[in-house]
C-alpha cells in the first residue's frame, strides 16, 4: 500500500512539474485515452533568412519612357527590401535593366542591357530598407518592352537556399525619331546664272530607330508656303532653285527640286546607332542656281524631318 501511495505522489509531482515547465517555456503536451496518442510541440529558432525584394517601381511608376535625343535619360528603379535580420543588414543590392528577349545576366550593351552593381542604399527601419538603382540610358537604346530586375544579396551563405532574392517590374521605351544636321548650307559668292558647287549637309541619327529623311524649304522661319526659298536684299529666290541629291556632282539634272512641302530624300536611310563610340552619319548634297533678279545677301530655311523607316 505504501508503494502505491509513493507512486501516486510521484505521478502527481511530475504532472505539477510539467504544468509549471509548460507555463514557463510555452509548449504543450496532451495524452489521449490510455496513451493511444500523444500530442507534443516542435520548435526551431530561425536565426537568418535571405532578404526579400518586395516591389520595384520604375521612374515613379511610368508605363512609357521617352528617351532624350542625342543624350542620356536617367532611369531610376526604386525598391523596398525586407530582411527579418533588420533593415540595416541590407547592404548589397544590384540591378539590371534590359530589353525583352535579353537575359538579366547578358553582357552590357547600350542598345539592350544595363547593369548597376552598387545600388544606392536609402532609409531603413526595423525590417525594411529603401534602395534606388539608377541607369544612364542612351538615346539609341532599343525601343520596346524593358524589365528592371533588382536583386538583394545576403552576406550569409545558405546551404540549400539562394542568398540572392530578386523582383522585377516592366516598362516600355518609346520609339524616338530624332536627328541633327549640319548647322548651315553656305553656297558662297555667286553671280546671276551661276550654279553653286555641291555643298554637303550631314544628317546624324539621334534616336533609336532607322529613319528616312524628308525636307522642305521656306524663305524664313515663319514657314509660309509662298513658293519662296530665300529672301534677298533685292527680290528673292524661288524655293525650287535649291536642289538636293545623295551623290553630288555638277549635273543639275541629277538633283531634286526643294519645295515648300515635305519631300523624302529618295534612297536615304540613316540607321540606328549600335556602336557606342560611333554615331551614324549620312551625307546629302545641295546646289543653288541663281536666277535673274535677286541681289545682295540672301537667307532661307530648310527643314529636315526624321520619319519612321
C-alpha atoms as a PDB file:
ATOM      1  CA  UNK A   1       0.000   0.000   0.000  1.00  0.00           C
ATOM      2  CA  UNK A   2       2.872   2.351   0.829  1.00  0.00           C
ATOM      3  CA  UNK A   3       4.348   1.750  -2.598  1.00  0.00           C
ATOM      4  CA  UNK A   4       1.069   2.717  -4.264  1.00  0.00           C
ATOM      5  CA  UNK A   5       0.915   5.989  -2.291  1.00  0.00           C
ATOM      6  CA  UNK A   6       4.517   6.690  -3.253  1.00  0.00           C
ATOM      7  CA  UNK A   7       3.784   6.065  -6.949  1.00  0.00           C
ATOM      8  CA  UNK A   8       0.725   8.320  -6.865  1.00  0.00           C
ATOM      9  CA  UNK A   9       2.793  11.043  -5.223  1.00  0.00           C
ATOM     10  CA  UNK A  10       5.497  10.811  -7.880  1.00  0.00           C
ATOM     11  CA  UNK A  11       2.953  10.933 -10.700  1.00  0.00           C
ATOM     12  CA  UNK A  12       1.214  13.918  -9.133  1.00  0.00           C
ATOM     13  CA  UNK A  13       4.517  15.681  -8.577  1.00  0.00           C
ATOM     14  CA  UNK A  14       5.544  15.031 -12.198  1.00  0.00           C
ATOM     15  CA  UNK A  15       2.268  16.419 -13.515  1.00  0.00           C
ATOM     16  CA  UNK A  16       2.657  19.571 -11.458  1.00  0.00           C
ATOM     17  CA  UNK A  17       6.255  19.948 -12.642  1.00  0.00           C
ATOM     18  CA  UNK A  18       5.195  19.515 -16.302  1.00  0.00           C
ATOM     19  CA  UNK A  19       2.453  22.145 -15.928  1.00  0.00           C
ATOM     20  CA  UNK A  20       4.941  24.558 -14.390  1.00  0.00           C
ATOM     21  CA  UNK A  21       7.500  23.979 -17.168  1.00  0.00           C
ATOM     22  CA  UNK A  22       4.837  24.296 -19.860  1.00  0.00           C
ATOM     23  CA  UNK A  23       3.829  27.641 -18.387  1.00  0.00           C
ATOM     24  CA  UNK A  24       7.442  28.815 -18.419  1.00  0.00           C
ATOM     25  CA  UNK A  25       8.553  27.526 -21.833  1.00  0.00           C
ATOM     26  CA  UNK A  26       5.245  27.762 -23.726  1.00  0.00           C
ATOM     27  CA  UNK A  27       4.987  24.240 -25.055  1.00  0.00           C
ATOM     28  CA  UNK A  28       2.066  21.836 -24.818  1.00  0.00           C
ATOM     29  CA  UNK A  29       1.682  18.133 -24.130  1.00  0.00           C
ATOM     30  CA  UNK A  30      -1.518  16.144 -24.370  1.00  0.00           C
ATOM     31  CA  UNK A  31      -2.198  12.461 -23.783  1.00  0.00           C
ATOM     32  CA  UNK A  32      -5.115  10.675 -25.391  1.00  0.00           C
ATOM     33  CA  UNK A  33      -7.147   7.896 -23.705  1.00  0.00           C
ATOM     34  CA  UNK A  34      -4.824   5.155 -22.435  1.00  0.00           C
ATOM     35  CA  UNK A  35      -1.914   6.955 -24.179  1.00  0.00           C
ATOM     36  CA  UNK A  36      -3.077   5.738 -27.581  1.00  0.00           C
ATOM     37  CA  UNK A  37      -1.988   9.100 -28.985  1.00  0.00           C
ATOM     38  CA  UNK A  38       0.266  11.795 -27.599  1.00  0.00           C
ATOM     39  CA  UNK A  39       0.482  15.363 -28.921  1.00  0.00           C
ATOM     40  CA  UNK A  40       3.692  17.367 -28.487  1.00  0.00           C
ATOM     41  CA  UNK A  41       5.109  20.656 -29.805  1.00  0.00           C
ATOM     42  CA  UNK A  42       8.001  21.095 -32.220  1.00  0.00           C
ATOM     43  CA  UNK A  43      10.328  24.088 -32.020  1.00  0.00           C
ATOM     44  CA  UNK A  44      13.051  25.821 -34.032  1.00  0.00           C
ATOM     45  CA  UNK A  45      14.710  29.219 -33.830  1.00  0.00           C
ATOM     46  CA  UNK A  46      15.464  30.638 -37.317  1.00  0.00           C
ATOM     47  CA  UNK A  47      18.409  32.985 -36.937  1.00  0.00           C
ATOM     48  CA  UNK A  48      18.918  34.028 -40.562  1.00  0.00           C
ATOM     49  CA  UNK A  49      16.858  34.348 -43.730  1.00  0.00           C
ATOM     50  CA  UNK A  50      17.623  35.936 -47.100  1.00  0.00           C
ATOM     51  CA  UNK A  51      16.212  39.406 -47.859  1.00  0.00           C
ATOM     52  CA  UNK A  52      13.074  39.762 -49.950  1.00  0.00           C
ATOM     53  CA  UNK A  53      12.618  42.433 -52.639  1.00  0.00           C
ATOM     54  CA  UNK A  54       9.010  43.481 -52.042  1.00  0.00           C
ATOM     55  CA  UNK A  55       8.416  45.716 -55.053  1.00  0.00           C
ATOM     56  CA  UNK A  56      10.139  47.524 -57.912  1.00  0.00           C
ATOM     57  CA  UNK A  57       8.955  50.890 -59.259  1.00  0.00           C
ATOM     58  CA  UNK A  58      10.433  52.271 -62.493  1.00  0.00           C
ATOM     59  CA  UNK A  59      10.580  56.066 -62.837  1.00  0.00           C
ATOM     60  CA  UNK A  60       7.803  56.625 -60.345  1.00  0.00           C
ATOM     61  CA  UNK A  61       5.535  54.063 -61.983  1.00  0.00           C
ATOM     62  CA  UNK A  62       5.808  55.307 -65.577  1.00  0.00           C
ATOM     63  CA  UNK A  63       4.488  52.792 -68.094  1.00  0.00           C
ATOM     64  CA  UNK A  64       6.239  54.540 -71.009  1.00  0.00           C
ATOM     65  CA  UNK A  65       9.638  56.210 -71.230  1.00  0.00           C
ATOM     66  CA  UNK A  66      10.695  58.721 -73.885  1.00  0.00           C
ATOM     67  CA  UNK A  67      14.464  58.990 -74.311  1.00  0.00           C
ATOM     68  CA  UNK A  68      16.379  62.232 -74.818  1.00  0.00           C
ATOM     69  CA  UNK A  69      17.565  62.848 -78.386  1.00  0.00           C
ATOM     70  CA  UNK A  70      21.335  62.685 -78.664  1.00  0.00           C
ATOM     71  CA  UNK A  71      21.943  62.322 -74.929  1.00  0.00           C
ATOM     72  CA  UNK A  72      21.182  60.207 -71.861  1.00  0.00           C
ATOM     73  CA  UNK A  73      17.983  59.602 -69.916  1.00  0.00           C
ATOM     74  CA  UNK A  74      18.198  58.779 -66.216  1.00  0.00           C
ATOM     75  CA  UNK A  75      16.085  55.753 -65.331  1.00  0.00           C
ATOM     76  CA  UNK A  76      15.525  55.011 -61.618  1.00  0.00           C
ATOM     77  CA  UNK A  77      14.374  51.657 -60.267  1.00  0.00           C
ATOM     78  CA  UNK A  78      13.284  52.075 -56.652  1.00  0.00           C
ATOM     79  CA  UNK A  79      12.563  49.098 -54.411  1.00  0.00           C
ATOM     80  CA  UNK A  80      11.810  48.140 -50.821  1.00  0.00           C
ATOM     81  CA  UNK A  81      13.816  45.250 -49.397  1.00  0.00           C
ATOM     82  CA  UNK A  82      12.572  43.235 -46.414  1.00  0.00           C
ATOM     83  CA  UNK A  83      15.071  41.488 -44.115  1.00  0.00           C
ATOM     84  CA  UNK A  84      13.949  39.973 -40.788  1.00  0.00           C
ATOM     85  CA  UNK A  85      17.516  40.318 -39.527  1.00  0.00           C
ATOM     86  CA  UNK A  86      16.989  44.077 -39.696  1.00  0.00           C
ATOM     87  CA  UNK A  87      16.703  46.748 -42.345  1.00  0.00           C
ATOM     88  CA  UNK A  88      20.248  47.894 -41.568  1.00  0.00           C
ATOM     89  CA  UNK A  89      21.612  44.498 -42.676  1.00  0.00           C
ATOM     90  CA  UNK A  90      20.567  45.154 -46.288  1.00  0.00           C
ATOM     91  CA  UNK A  91      23.939  46.204 -47.660  1.00  0.00           C
ATOM     92  CA  UNK A  92      24.367  44.677 -51.122  1.00  0.00           C
ATOM     93  CA  UNK A  93      21.802  45.361 -53.875  1.00  0.00           C
ATOM     94  CA  UNK A  94      22.329  45.167 -57.636  1.00  0.00           C
ATOM     95  CA  UNK A  95      20.024  45.710 -60.617  1.00  0.00           C
ATOM     96  CA  UNK A  96      19.780  45.046 -64.331  1.00  0.00           C
ATOM     97  CA  UNK A  97      17.736  46.999 -66.885  1.00  0.00           C
ATOM     98  CA  UNK A  98      17.322  45.012 -70.096  1.00  0.00           C
ATOM     99  CA  UNK A  99      15.219  44.674 -73.221  1.00  0.00           C
ATOM    100  CA  UNK A 100      12.648  41.970 -73.859  1.00  0.00           C
ATOM    101  CA  UNK A 101      14.333  38.954 -75.421  1.00  0.00           C
ATOM    102  CA  UNK A 102      17.534  39.608 -73.455  1.00  0.00           C
ATOM    103  CA  UNK A 103      18.529  37.776 -70.265  1.00  0.00           C
ATOM    104  CA  UNK A 104      19.156  39.606 -66.982  1.00  0.00           C
ATOM    105  CA  UNK A 105      22.737  38.289 -66.938  1.00  0.00           C
ATOM    106  CA  UNK A 106      23.631  39.194 -70.527  1.00  0.00           C
ATOM    107  CA  UNK A 107      26.638  41.399 -71.226  1.00  0.00           C
ATOM    108  CA  UNK A 108      26.047  45.122 -71.023  1.00  0.00           C
ATOM    109  CA  UNK A 109      25.202  46.826 -74.307  1.00  0.00           C
ATOM    110  CA  UNK A 110      23.757  50.335 -74.609  1.00  0.00           C
ATOM    111  CA  UNK A 111      21.131  49.072 -77.040  1.00  0.00           C
ATOM    112  CA  UNK A 112      19.837  46.184 -74.935  1.00  0.00           C
ATOM    113  CA  UNK A 113      21.304  45.821 -71.403  1.00  0.00           C
ATOM    114  CA  UNK A 114      22.463  47.936 -68.453  1.00  0.00           C
ATOM    115  CA  UNK A 115      23.830  46.930 -65.022  1.00  0.00           C
ATOM    116  CA  UNK A 116      24.077  48.790 -61.727  1.00  0.00           C
ATOM    117  CA  UNK A 117      26.348  46.794 -59.401  1.00  0.00           C
ATOM    118  CA  UNK A 118      26.108  49.254 -56.495  1.00  0.00           C
ATOM    119  CA  UNK A 119      22.566  50.478 -55.959  1.00  0.00           C
ATOM    120  CA  UNK A 120      22.125  53.364 -53.527  1.00  0.00           C
ATOM    121  CA  UNK A 121      21.001  52.343 -50.029  1.00  0.00           C
ATOM    122  CA  UNK A 122      18.375  54.622 -48.506  1.00  0.00           C
ATOM    123  CA  UNK A 123      16.487  54.847 -45.213  1.00  0.00           C
ATOM    124  CA  UNK A 124      15.824  51.726 -43.162  1.00  0.00           C
ATOM    125  CA  UNK A 125      13.638  50.697 -40.244  1.00  0.00           C
ATOM    126  CA  UNK A 126      13.317  47.547 -38.139  1.00  0.00           C
ATOM    127  CA  UNK A 127      12.880  45.201 -41.099  1.00  0.00           C
ATOM    128  CA  UNK A 128      12.984  47.129 -44.422  1.00  0.00           C
ATOM    129  CA  UNK A 129      15.285  49.354 -46.414  1.00  0.00           C
ATOM    130  CA  UNK A 130      14.647  51.566 -49.431  1.00  0.00           C
ATOM    131  CA  UNK A 131      17.056  51.233 -52.350  1.00  0.00           C
ATOM    132  CA  UNK A 132      17.479  53.101 -55.630  1.00  0.00           C
ATOM    133  CA  UNK A 133      19.165  51.709 -58.737  1.00  0.00           C
ATOM    134  CA  UNK A 134      19.853  54.262 -61.476  1.00  0.00           C
ATOM    135  CA  UNK A 135      20.826  53.813 -65.128  1.00  0.00           C
ATOM    136  CA  UNK A 136      22.039  56.378 -67.677  1.00  0.00           C
ATOM    137  CA  UNK A 137      20.180  55.122 -70.743  1.00  0.00           C
ATOM    138  CA  UNK A 138      21.496  56.212 -74.141  1.00  0.00           C
ATOM    139  CA  UNK A 139      19.331  57.772 -76.855  1.00  0.00           C
ATOM    140  CA  UNK A 140      19.916  54.857 -79.225  1.00  0.00           C
ATOM    141  CA  UNK A 141      18.662  52.242 -76.730  1.00  0.00           C
ATOM    142  CA  UNK A 142      16.180  49.913 -78.419  1.00  0.00           C
ATOM    143  CA  UNK A 143      12.502  50.770 -78.297  1.00  0.00           C
ATOM    144  CA  UNK A 144      10.090  48.177 -76.880  1.00  0.00           C
ATOM    145  CA  UNK A 145       9.384  46.327 -73.631  1.00  0.00           C
ATOM    146  CA  UNK A 146      12.052  46.550 -70.911  1.00  0.00           C
ATOM    147  CA  UNK A 147      12.440  44.942 -67.471  1.00  0.00           C
ATOM    148  CA  UNK A 148      14.171  46.216 -64.342  1.00  0.00           C
ATOM    149  CA  UNK A 149      15.381  43.371 -62.111  1.00  0.00           C
ATOM    150  CA  UNK A 150      16.509  44.236 -58.545  1.00  0.00           C
ATOM    151  CA  UNK A 151      18.492  41.675 -56.530  1.00  0.00           C
ATOM    152  CA  UNK A 152      19.290  41.793 -52.803  1.00  0.00           C
ATOM    153  CA  UNK A 153      22.282  39.694 -51.717  1.00  0.00           C
ATOM    154  CA  UNK A 154      22.609  38.337 -48.171  1.00  0.00           C
ATOM    155  CA  UNK A 155      26.162  38.098 -46.740  1.00  0.00           C
ATOM    156  CA  UNK A 156      25.233  34.749 -45.154  1.00  0.00           C
ATOM    157  CA  UNK A 157      25.593  31.621 -47.284  1.00  0.00           C
ATOM    158  CA  UNK A 158      22.635  29.248 -47.088  1.00  0.00           C
ATOM    159  CA  UNK A 159      23.084  25.520 -47.593  1.00  0.00           C
ATOM    160  CA  UNK A 160      20.007  24.765 -49.701  1.00  0.00           C
ATOM    161  CA  UNK A 161      18.573  28.187 -50.472  1.00  0.00           C
ATOM    162  CA  UNK A 162      19.742  31.052 -52.634  1.00  0.00           C
ATOM    163  CA  UNK A 163      21.061  34.079 -50.806  1.00  0.00           C
ATOM    164  CA  UNK A 164      20.161  36.220 -53.847  1.00  0.00           C
ATOM    165  CA  UNK A 165      16.499  37.251 -53.891  1.00  0.00           C
ATOM    166  CA  UNK A 166      15.077  39.231 -56.836  1.00  0.00           C
ATOM    167  CA  UNK A 167      11.958  41.002 -58.025  1.00  0.00           C
ATOM    168  CA  UNK A 168      11.196  42.987 -61.165  1.00  0.00           C
ATOM    169  CA  UNK A 169       8.850  45.330 -62.966  1.00  0.00           C
ATOM    170  CA  UNK A 170       8.410  46.267 -66.612  1.00  0.00           C
ATOM    171  CA  UNK A 171       8.108  49.424 -68.693  1.00  0.00           C
ATOM    172  CA  UNK A 172       8.108  50.403 -72.372  1.00  0.00           C
ATOM    173  CA  UNK A 173      10.666  52.583 -74.155  1.00  0.00           C
ATOM    174  CA  UNK A 174       9.009  54.602 -76.914  1.00  0.00           C
ATOM    175  CA  UNK A 175      10.360  54.951 -80.422  1.00  0.00           C
ATOM    176  CA  UNK A 176      12.492  58.090 -80.749  1.00  0.00           C
ATOM    177  CA  UNK A 177      12.733  59.668 -84.210  1.00  0.00           C
ATOM    178  CA  UNK A 178      15.422  62.323 -83.907  1.00  0.00           C
ATOM    179  CA  UNK A 179      18.241  63.805 -85.961  1.00  0.00           C
ATOM    180  CA  UNK A 180      20.822  66.519 -86.155  1.00  0.00           C
ATOM    181  CA  UNK A 181      22.009  68.300 -89.305  1.00  0.00           C
ATOM    182  CA  UNK A 182      24.944  70.466 -90.341  1.00  0.00           C
ATOM    183  CA  UNK A 183      24.166  73.937 -88.963  1.00  0.00           C
ATOM    184  CA  UNK A 184      24.279  75.808 -92.291  1.00  0.00           C
ATOM    185  CA  UNK A 185      24.494  75.291 -96.029  1.00  0.00           C
ATOM    186  CA  UNK A 186      26.617  78.159 -97.385  1.00  0.00           C
ATOM    187  CA  UNK A 187      26.676  78.404-101.177  1.00  0.00           C
ATOM    188  CA  UNK A 188      29.305  81.152-101.059  1.00  0.00           C
ATOM    189  CA  UNK A 189      29.578  84.087-103.510  1.00  0.00           C
ATOM    190  CA  UNK A 190      27.668  83.581-106.756  1.00  0.00           C
ATOM    191  CA  UNK A 191      26.625  85.677-109.740  1.00  0.00           C
ATOM    192  CA  UNK A 192      23.359  85.638-111.645  1.00  0.00           C
ATOM    193  CA  UNK A 193      23.176  82.475-113.745  1.00  0.00           C
ATOM    194  CA  UNK A 194      25.725  80.571-111.612  1.00  0.00           C
ATOM    195  CA  UNK A 195      25.246  77.035-110.299  1.00  0.00           C
ATOM    196  CA  UNK A 196      26.977  76.585-106.981  1.00  0.00           C
ATOM    197  CA  UNK A 197      29.369  73.772-106.184  1.00  0.00           C
ATOM    198  CA  UNK A 198      27.722  70.902-104.300  1.00  0.00           C
ATOM    199  CA  UNK A 199      27.583  71.538-100.561  1.00  0.00           C
ATOM    200  CA  UNK A 200      27.237  68.705 -98.056  1.00  0.00           C
ATOM    201  CA  UNK A 201      24.701  68.644 -95.244  1.00  0.00           C
ATOM    202  CA  UNK A 202      25.381  65.765 -92.845  1.00  0.00           C
ATOM    203  CA  UNK A 203      22.457  64.039 -91.116  1.00  0.00           C
ATOM    204  CA  UNK A 204      23.065  62.268 -87.779  1.00  0.00           C
ATOM    205  CA  UNK A 205      20.607  59.781 -86.257  1.00  0.00           C
ATOM    206  CA  UNK A 206      19.988  60.842 -82.637  1.00  0.00           C
ATOM    207  CA  UNK A 207      17.151  58.401 -81.981  1.00  0.00           C
ATOM    208  CA  UNK A 208      16.580  54.683 -81.534  1.00  0.00           C
ATOM    209  CA  UNK A 209      15.073  53.728 -84.912  1.00  0.00           C
ATOM    210  CA  UNK A 210      16.214  53.652 -88.526  1.00  0.00           C
ATOM    211  CA  UNK A 211      14.956  56.860 -90.114  1.00  0.00           C
ATOM    212  CA  UNK A 212      14.166  58.258 -93.523  1.00  0.00           C
ATOM    213  CA  UNK A 213      14.570  61.983 -94.141  1.00  0.00           C
ATOM    214  CA  UNK A 214      12.174  64.435 -95.733  1.00  0.00           C
ATOM    215  CA  UNK A 215      12.969  68.088 -96.491  1.00  0.00           C
ATOM    216  CA  UNK A 216      11.064  71.281 -97.241  1.00  0.00           C
ATOM    217  CA  UNK A 217      12.167  74.889 -97.703  1.00  0.00           C
ATOM    218  CA  UNK A 218      10.952  78.404 -96.864  1.00  0.00           C
ATOM    219  CA  UNK A 219      12.070  81.961 -97.242  1.00  0.00           C
ATOM    220  CA  UNK A 220      12.101  82.473 -93.466  1.00  0.00           C
ATOM    221  CA  UNK A 221      11.259  80.821 -90.169  1.00  0.00           C
ATOM    222  CA  UNK A 222       7.545  81.655 -90.430  1.00  0.00           C
ATOM    223  CA  UNK A 223       7.276  78.664 -92.810  1.00  0.00           C
ATOM    224  CA  UNK A 224       4.899  80.415 -95.198  1.00  0.00           C
ATOM    225  CA  UNK A 225       4.207  78.153 -98.222  1.00  0.00           C
ATOM    226  CA  UNK A 226       4.608  81.034-100.660  1.00  0.00           C
ATOM    227  CA  UNK A 227       6.981  79.383-103.113  1.00  0.00           C
ATOM    228  CA  UNK A 228       9.956  81.398-101.851  1.00  0.00           C
ATOM    229  CA  UNK A 229      13.185  79.648-100.839  1.00  0.00           C
ATOM    230  CA  UNK A 230      15.364  82.656 -99.988  1.00  0.00           C
ATOM    231  CA  UNK A 231      14.669  86.309 -99.251  1.00  0.00           C
ATOM    232  CA  UNK A 232      17.363  88.631-100.585  1.00  0.00           C
ATOM    233  CA  UNK A 233      18.182  92.305-100.078  1.00  0.00           C
ATOM    234  CA  UNK A 234      16.678  92.851-103.508  1.00  0.00           C
ATOM    235  CA  UNK A 235      13.936  90.461-104.709  1.00  0.00           C
ATOM    236  CA  UNK A 236      14.022  86.769-103.718  1.00  0.00           C
ATOM    237  CA  UNK A 237      14.873  83.261-104.958  1.00  0.00           C
ATOM    238  CA  UNK A 238      12.053  80.766-105.596  1.00  0.00           C
ATOM    239  CA  UNK A 239      12.331  77.617-103.477  1.00  0.00           C
ATOM    240  CA  UNK A 240      12.835  75.202-106.388  1.00  0.00           C
ATOM    241  CA  UNK A 241      16.209  76.759-107.306  1.00  0.00           C
ATOM    242  CA  UNK A 242      17.683  74.893-104.328  1.00  0.00           C
ATOM    243  CA  UNK A 243      18.169  71.226-105.200  1.00  0.00           C
ATOM    244  CA  UNK A 244      19.397  68.074-103.462  1.00  0.00           C
ATOM    245  CA  UNK A 245      20.631  64.533-104.034  1.00  0.00           C
ATOM    246  CA  UNK A 246      22.852  61.882-102.422  1.00  0.00           C
ATOM    247  CA  UNK A 247      25.645  61.651-104.989  1.00  0.00           C
ATOM    248  CA  UNK A 248      26.656  65.274-105.550  1.00  0.00           C
ATOM    249  CA  UNK A 249      28.184  66.285-108.882  1.00  0.00           C
ATOM    250  CA  UNK A 250      27.653  69.198-111.248  1.00  0.00           C
ATOM    251  CA  UNK A 251      24.830  67.726-113.366  1.00  0.00           C
ATOM    252  CA  UNK A 252      21.743  69.678-112.309  1.00  0.00           C
ATOM    253  CA  UNK A 253      19.507  67.049-113.907  1.00  0.00           C
ATOM    254  CA  UNK A 254      20.543  64.600-111.176  1.00  0.00           C
ATOM    255  CA  UNK A 255      19.117  66.800-108.423  1.00  0.00           C
ATOM    256  CA  UNK A 256      15.591  67.055-106.961  1.00  0.00           C
ATOM    257  CA  UNK A 257      13.947  70.449-106.507  1.00  0.00           C
ATOM    258  CA  UNK A 258      13.263  71.669-102.974  1.00  0.00           C
ATOM    259  CA  UNK A 259       9.603  72.663-102.353  1.00  0.00           C
ATOM    260  CA  UNK A 260       7.515  74.205 -99.589  1.00  0.00           C
ATOM    261  CA  UNK A 261       6.041  70.782 -98.822  1.00  0.00           C
ATOM    262  CA  UNK A 262       7.875  67.763 -97.409  1.00  0.00           C
ATOM    263  CA  UNK A 263       9.612  65.575 -99.938  1.00  0.00           C
ATOM    264  CA  UNK A 264      11.519  62.442 -98.951  1.00  0.00           C
ATOM    265  CA  UNK A 265      15.147  62.149 -99.999  1.00  0.00           C
ATOM    266  CA  UNK A 266      14.984  59.008-102.116  1.00  0.00           C
ATOM    267  CA  UNK A 267      17.406  56.260-101.122  1.00  0.00           C
ATOM    268  CA  UNK A 268      18.437  57.821 -97.810  1.00  0.00           C
ATOM    269  CA  UNK A 269      18.022  55.769 -94.634  1.00  0.00           C
ATOM    270  CA  UNK A 270      20.044  56.717 -91.561  1.00  0.00           C
ATOM    271  CA  UNK A 271      20.429  53.594 -89.438  1.00  0.00           C
ATOM    272  CA  UNK A 272      20.013  53.336 -85.677  1.00  0.00           C
ATOM    273  CA  UNK A 273      23.325  53.590 -83.838  1.00  0.00           C
ATOM    274  CA  UNK A 274      24.618  50.263 -82.497  1.00  0.00           C
ATOM    275  CA  UNK A 275      28.297  51.121 -81.942  1.00  0.00           C
ATOM    276  CA  UNK A 276      28.526  53.063 -78.690  1.00  0.00           C
ATOM    277  CA  UNK A 277      31.539  55.055 -79.868  1.00  0.00           C
ATOM    278  CA  UNK A 278      30.423  55.762 -83.441  1.00  0.00           C
ATOM    279  CA  UNK A 279      27.423  57.880 -84.404  1.00  0.00           C
ATOM    280  CA  UNK A 280      25.634  57.090 -87.666  1.00  0.00           C
ATOM    281  CA  UNK A 281      26.017  59.980 -90.136  1.00  0.00           C
ATOM    282  CA  UNK A 282      24.852  60.185 -93.753  1.00  0.00           C
ATOM    283  CA  UNK A 283      25.513  62.982 -96.228  1.00  0.00           C
ATOM    284  CA  UNK A 284      23.183  64.910 -98.534  1.00  0.00           C
ATOM    285  CA  UNK A 285      24.337  67.217-101.316  1.00  0.00           C
ATOM    286  CA  UNK A 286      22.860  70.622-102.200  1.00  0.00           C
ATOM    287  CA  UNK A 287      23.250  73.110-105.047  1.00  0.00           C
ATOM    288  CA  UNK A 288      21.738  76.520-105.755  1.00  0.00           C
ATOM    289  CA  UNK A 289      21.084  78.047-109.166  1.00  0.00           C
ATOM    290  CA  UNK A 290      20.891  81.867-109.094  1.00  0.00           C
ATOM    291  CA  UNK A 291      18.122  83.178-111.384  1.00  0.00           C
ATOM    292  CA  UNK A 292      17.971  86.724-112.764  1.00  0.00           C
ATOM    293  CA  UNK A 293      16.543  89.351-110.385  1.00  0.00           C
ATOM    294  CA  UNK A 294      17.812  88.721-106.811  1.00  0.00           C
ATOM    295  CA  UNK A 295      20.816  90.647-105.467  1.00  0.00           C
ATOM    296  CA  UNK A 296      22.700  91.015-102.179  1.00  0.00           C
ATOM    297  CA  UNK A 297      22.660  88.746 -99.165  1.00  0.00           C
ATOM    298  CA  UNK A 298      20.038  86.011 -99.251  1.00  0.00           C
ATOM    299  CA  UNK A 299      18.799  83.779 -96.464  1.00  0.00           C
ATOM    300  CA  UNK A 300      16.366  80.884 -96.317  1.00  0.00           C
ATOM    301  CA  UNK A 301      15.282  77.947 -94.150  1.00  0.00           C
ATOM    302  CA  UNK A 302      15.432  74.208 -94.838  1.00  0.00           C
ATOM    303  CA  UNK A 303      13.575  71.801 -92.543  1.00  0.00           C
ATOM    304  CA  UNK A 304      14.940  68.257 -92.198  1.00  0.00           C
ATOM    305  CA  UNK A 305      12.443  65.852 -90.665  1.00  0.00           C
ATOM    306  CA  UNK A 306      13.023  62.318 -89.350  1.00  0.00           C
ATOM    307  CA  UNK A 307      10.416  59.755 -90.393  1.00  0.00           C
ATOM    308  CA  UNK A 308       9.979  56.110 -89.499  1.00  0.00           C
ATOM    309  CA  UNK A 309      11.848  53.887 -91.906  1.00  0.00           C
END
